[in-house]
Amino acid sequence: MVRKKSKYKHAIIGKKKYYFYSIEWIDPCGDSGHADAGEVKELKPAKMMTQAYIFDRDNKHVWTFASYDTESAVFSDRNVFPKSIVTKMERVLL
C-alpha cells in the first residue's frame, strides 16, 4: 500500500507530526505620551503575522515553536497565544 504524501509543510519530531501555520493575530498597542482626545482614538491595535509550527492548542490557547533540535524533541522560539487575539490560522502548503 502506498502512503499518501502530505501537501502541507510539516516536521516530524519524536514520531509526532507538527504542521506549519501562518497565524494572524491582534496585538494591543500603547503610548505613554500626552495626547488630546482626538489622538487617543487614532491609536489602533497592530495586525500581526506569525509563521510557526503548532505544538498544541485547546479552547483557550495556541502553543507554537519555530525552531527545533533535529536529534531530539527539543523546541525553541516558543510562544503561546490566547485564542481571543487570533483572527486567522492557515496551514502552509509545500
Protein backbone atom coordinates (compact mmCIF):
# COMPACT_ATOMS: atom_id res chain seq x y z
CA MET A 1 0.00 0.00 0.00
CA VAL A 2 1.33 3.46 -0.96
CA ARG A 3 1.11 6.20 1.68
CA LYS A 4 -0.43 9.48 0.58
CA LYS A 5 2.09 12.34 0.79
CA SER A 6 1.03 15.34 2.89
CA LYS A 7 0.54 18.50 0.87
CA TYR A 8 1.20 20.69 3.91
CA LYS A 9 4.56 21.75 5.32
CA HIS A 10 5.32 19.82 8.49
CA ALA A 11 8.09 18.46 10.71
CA ILE A 12 8.21 15.03 12.34
CA ILE A 13 9.77 15.25 15.80
CA GLY A 14 9.82 12.29 18.15
CA LYS A 15 7.33 10.35 15.99
CA LYS A 16 4.81 13.23 16.09
CA LYS A 17 3.88 15.40 13.10
CA TYR A 18 3.71 19.18 13.60
CA TYR A 19 2.13 21.34 10.89
CA PHE A 20 3.44 24.77 9.85
CA TYR A 21 0.89 27.61 10.01
CA SER A 22 0.50 31.29 9.18
CA ILE A 23 -1.22 32.89 12.16
CA GLU A 24 -2.82 36.34 12.03
CA TRP A 25 -3.39 37.99 15.38
CA ILE A 26 -4.15 41.34 17.00
CA ASP A 27 -1.52 42.94 19.27
CA PRO A 28 -2.57 45.69 21.69
CA CYS A 29 -0.59 48.90 21.24
CA GLY A 30 0.05 51.65 23.74
CA ASP A 31 1.57 55.08 24.11
CA SER A 32 2.78 56.70 27.32
CA GLY A 33 2.95 60.23 25.90
CA HIS A 34 0.49 63.08 26.25
CA ALA A 35 -2.42 63.13 23.78
CA ASP A 36 -5.61 65.07 23.24
CA ALA A 37 -9.00 63.40 22.83
CA GLY A 38 -8.68 63.15 19.03
CA GLU A 39 -5.27 61.46 19.21
CA VAL A 40 -6.49 58.87 21.72
CA LYS A 41 -8.98 57.45 19.19
CA GLU A 42 -6.28 57.25 16.46
CA LEU A 43 -4.37 54.57 18.41
CA LYS A 44 -5.23 51.17 16.94
CA PRO A 45 -4.03 47.61 17.67
CA ALA A 46 -1.41 46.14 15.32
CA LYS A 47 -2.39 43.33 12.94
CA MET A 48 0.45 40.82 13.28
CA MET A 49 1.53 37.73 11.31
CA THR A 50 3.47 34.80 12.79
CA GLN A 51 4.66 31.73 10.90
CA ALA A 52 5.41 28.75 13.11
CA TYR A 53 4.71 25.11 13.84
CA ILE A 54 1.68 24.39 16.02
CA PHE A 55 2.80 22.45 19.09
CA ASP A 56 -0.68 22.16 20.62
CA ARG A 57 -3.94 24.01 21.02
CA ASP A 58 -7.05 23.90 23.16
CA ASN A 59 -10.20 26.02 23.52
CA LYS A 60 -8.28 28.98 25.00
CA HIS A 61 -4.66 28.84 23.74
CA VAL A 62 -2.39 28.02 20.79
CA TRP A 63 1.22 26.96 21.53
CA THR A 64 3.81 27.40 18.77
CA PHE A 65 7.51 26.87 18.09
CA ALA A 66 9.71 27.96 15.20
CA SER A 67 12.95 26.05 15.85
CA TYR A 68 13.69 22.52 16.97
CA ASP A 69 16.58 20.10 17.54
CA THR A 70 16.92 17.54 14.73
CA GLU A 71 18.37 14.95 17.13
CA SER A 72 15.75 15.05 19.92
CA ALA A 73 12.38 16.54 20.84
CA VAL A 74 13.65 19.97 22.00
CA PHE A 75 11.79 23.13 20.92
CA SER A 76 12.85 26.82 20.73
CA ASP A 77 11.36 30.17 19.70
CA ARG A 78 8.18 29.28 21.59
CA ASN A 79 5.01 31.35 22.04
CA VAL A 80 1.55 30.90 23.48
CA PHE A 81 -1.34 32.91 22.01
CA PRO A 82 -4.71 33.41 23.70
CA LYS A 83 -7.24 32.27 21.09
CA SER A 84 -9.17 35.50 21.69
CA ILE A 85 -6.49 37.51 19.81
CA VAL A 86 -6.06 35.05 16.90
CA THR A 87 -8.09 36.15 13.87
CA LYS A 88 -6.97 33.52 11.30
CA MET A 89 -4.90 30.33 11.12
CA GLU A 90 -3.93 28.63 7.84
CA ARG A 91 -1.75 25.59 7.19
CA VAL A 92 1.11 26.35 4.83
CA LEU A 93 1.25 24.32 1.62
CA LEU A 94 4.50 22.72 0.46
